[in-house]
Amino acid sequence: MARIIESQDGSRRMIKMSVEDVISVIQDYQRIVPRFSDMEEARNYLSDTVIYIPEDV
């Protein structure tokens, strides 16, 4: 499960991901991207796609 790490100075938070989280994101990417002929097309599609990862509570 992913874990959000708050920064000391109040800037952007970091997300610490487990190996399973990283593999899951890669699998989602590989499932989506082969449909496209170039990176710009893939980038445009992914910018409208929401990918969730679970957070430890």
N, C-alpha and C. Protein backbone atom coordinates (compact mmCIF):
# COMPACT_ATOMS: atom_id res chain seq x y z
N MET A 1 0.83 -1.18 0.00
CA MET A 1 0.00 0.00 0.00
C MET A 1 0.88 1.25 0.00
N ALA A 2 0.40 2.28 -0.64
CA ALA A 2 1.13 3.54 -0.71
C ALA A 2 0.98 4.30 0.61
N ARG A 3 1.98 5.12 0.90
CA ARG A 3 1.94 5.92 2.12
C ARG A 3 2.34 7.34 1.77
N ILE A 4 1.52 8.31 2.17
CA ILE A 4 1.82 9.72 1.91
C ILE A 4 2.75 10.21 3.01
N ILE A 5 3.84 10.86 2.59
CA ILE A 5 4.81 11.39 3.55
C ILE A 5 4.75 12.92 3.46
N GLU A 6 4.38 13.55 4.56
CA GLU A 6 4.29 15.00 4.61
C GLU A 6 5.70 15.59 4.66
N SER A 7 5.90 16.69 3.95
CA SER A 7 7.21 17.35 3.97
C SER A 7 7.29 18.28 5.18
N GLN A 8 8.49 18.52 5.64
CA GLN A 8 8.72 19.37 6.80
C GLN A 8 8.43 20.83 6.50
N ASP A 9 8.66 21.25 5.24
CA ASP A 9 8.51 22.66 4.92
C ASP A 9 7.15 23.01 4.30
N GLY A 10 6.25 22.05 4.26
CA GLY A 10 4.91 22.33 3.75
C GLY A 10 4.79 22.31 2.23
N SER A 11 5.86 21.88 1.54
CA SER A 11 5.78 21.81 0.08
C SER A 11 5.08 20.51 -0.32
N ARG A 12 5.29 20.06 -1.52
CA ARG A 12 4.60 18.87 -2.01
C ARG A 12 4.85 17.66 -1.12
N ARG A 13 3.82 16.85 -0.97
CA ARG A 13 3.96 15.61 -0.24
C ARG A 13 4.55 14.55 -1.16
N MET A 14 5.18 13.55 -0.59
CA MET A 14 5.71 12.43 -1.36
C MET A 14 4.83 11.22 -1.11
N ILE A 15 4.80 10.33 -2.07
CA ILE A 15 4.06 9.09 -1.92
C ILE A 15 5.07 7.95 -1.98
N LYS A 16 5.18 7.21 -0.89
CA LYS A 16 6.08 6.06 -0.86
C LYS A 16 5.26 4.86 -1.31
N MET A 17 5.71 4.22 -2.38
CA MET A 17 4.96 3.12 -2.97
C MET A 17 5.68 1.80 -2.73
N SER A 18 4.90 0.76 -2.50
CA SER A 18 5.47 -0.58 -2.36
C SER A 18 5.79 -1.13 -3.74
N VAL A 19 6.49 -2.22 -3.78
CA VAL A 19 6.80 -2.88 -5.05
C VAL A 19 5.50 -3.25 -5.76
N GLU A 20 4.52 -3.73 -5.02
CA GLU A 20 3.23 -4.11 -5.61
C GLU A 20 2.54 -2.91 -6.24
N ASP A 21 2.64 -1.73 -5.60
CA ASP A 21 2.05 -0.50 -6.15
C ASP A 21 2.71 -0.15 -7.48
N VAL A 22 4.03 -0.20 -7.52
CA VAL A 22 4.77 0.15 -8.73
C VAL A 22 4.41 -0.81 -9.86
N ILE A 23 4.37 -2.10 -9.56
CA ILE A 23 4.01 -3.10 -10.57
C ILE A 23 2.59 -2.87 -11.07
N SER A 24 1.68 -2.53 -10.18
CA SER A 24 0.30 -2.26 -10.56
C SER A 24 0.21 -1.07 -11.52
N VAL A 25 0.94 0.00 -11.23
CA VAL A 25 0.94 1.18 -12.09
C VAL A 25 1.53 0.83 -13.45
N ILE A 26 2.62 0.07 -13.47
CA ILE A 26 3.24 -0.33 -14.73
C ILE A 26 2.28 -1.20 -15.56
N GLN A 27 1.59 -2.12 -14.90
CA GLN A 27 0.63 -2.97 -15.61
C GLN A 27 -0.50 -2.14 -16.21
N ASP A 28 -1.01 -1.17 -15.45
CA ASP A 28 -2.05 -0.28 -15.98
C ASP A 28 -1.52 0.49 -17.19
N TYR A 29 -0.31 1.01 -17.09
CA TYR A 29 0.30 1.76 -18.19
C TYR A 29 0.45 0.88 -19.42
N GLN A 30 0.96 -0.34 -19.24
CA GLN A 30 1.17 -1.24 -20.36
C GLN A 30 -0.16 -1.67 -21.00
N ARG A 31 -1.20 -1.75 -20.18
CA ARG A 31 -2.51 -2.13 -20.69
C ARG A 31 -3.10 -1.00 -21.53
N ILE A 32 -2.85 0.24 -21.15
CA ILE A 32 -3.44 1.40 -21.82
C ILE A 32 -2.62 1.84 -23.03
N VAL A 33 -1.31 1.94 -22.90
CA VAL A 33 -0.46 2.58 -23.90
C VAL A 33 -0.33 1.83 -25.23
N PRO A 34 -0.33 0.50 -25.29
CA PRO A 34 -0.15 -0.15 -26.60
C PRO A 34 -1.19 0.23 -27.65
N ARG A 35 -2.28 0.84 -27.25
CA ARG A 35 -3.30 1.27 -28.20
C ARG A 35 -2.84 2.45 -29.06
N PHE A 36 -1.81 3.13 -28.65
CA PHE A 36 -1.43 4.39 -29.28
C PHE A 36 -0.17 4.24 -30.13
N SER A 37 -0.09 5.06 -31.18
CA SER A 37 1.05 4.97 -32.09
C SER A 37 2.22 5.85 -31.67
N ASP A 38 1.98 6.88 -30.87
CA ASP A 38 3.10 7.71 -30.43
C ASP A 38 2.90 8.18 -28.99
N MET A 39 3.98 8.69 -28.41
CA MET A 39 3.95 9.08 -26.99
C MET A 39 3.02 10.27 -26.74
N GLU A 40 2.92 11.18 -27.69
CA GLU A 40 2.05 12.34 -27.50
C GLU A 40 0.58 11.90 -27.36
N GLU A 41 0.19 10.96 -28.18
CA GLU A 41 -1.18 10.42 -28.11
C GLU A 41 -1.39 9.71 -26.76
N ALA A 42 -0.42 8.93 -26.33
CA ALA A 42 -0.51 8.24 -25.04
C ALA A 42 -0.56 9.26 -23.90
N ARG A 43 0.28 10.29 -23.98
CA ARG A 43 0.32 11.33 -22.94
C ARG A 43 -1.03 12.04 -22.83
N ASN A 44 -1.62 12.36 -23.97
CA ASN A 44 -2.93 13.02 -23.96
C ASN A 44 -4.00 12.14 -23.34
N TYR A 45 -3.98 10.87 -23.66
CA TYR A 45 -4.97 9.95 -23.09
C TYR A 45 -4.76 9.80 -21.58
N LEU A 46 -3.51 9.60 -21.18
CA LEU A 46 -3.22 9.39 -19.76
C LEU A 46 -3.51 10.65 -18.93
N SER A 47 -3.42 11.82 -19.53
CA SER A 47 -3.70 13.04 -18.78
C SER A 47 -5.17 13.11 -18.37
N ASP A 48 -6.03 12.39 -19.09
CA ASP A 48 -7.45 12.34 -18.75
C ASP A 48 -7.83 11.09 -17.97
N THR A 49 -6.84 10.26 -17.64
CA THR A 49 -7.09 9.00 -16.93
C THR A 49 -6.67 9.15 -15.48
N VAL A 50 -7.52 8.70 -14.58
CA VAL A 50 -7.20 8.74 -13.15
C VAL A 50 -6.78 7.34 -12.73
N ILE A 51 -5.59 7.24 -12.14
CA ILE A 51 -5.10 5.97 -11.62
C ILE A 51 -4.96 6.12 -10.12
N TYR A 52 -5.65 5.27 -9.39
CA TYR A 52 -5.63 5.32 -7.94
C TYR A 52 -4.70 4.25 -7.38
N ILE A 53 -4.02 4.57 -6.30
CA ILE A 53 -3.27 3.58 -5.54
C ILE A 53 -3.74 3.69 -4.10
N PRO A 54 -3.86 2.58 -3.38
CA PRO A 54 -4.35 2.62 -2.01
C PRO A 54 -3.34 3.26 -1.06
N GLU A 55 -3.84 3.87 -0.02
CA GLU A 55 -3.00 4.51 1.00
C GLU A 55 -3.18 3.78 2.32
N ASP A 56 -2.07 3.55 3.04
CA ASP A 56 -2.17 2.98 4.38
C ASP A 56 -2.91 3.95 5.28
N VAL A 57 -3.77 3.45 6.12
CA VAL A 57 -4.52 4.32 7.03
C VAL A 57 -4.19 3.97 8.45
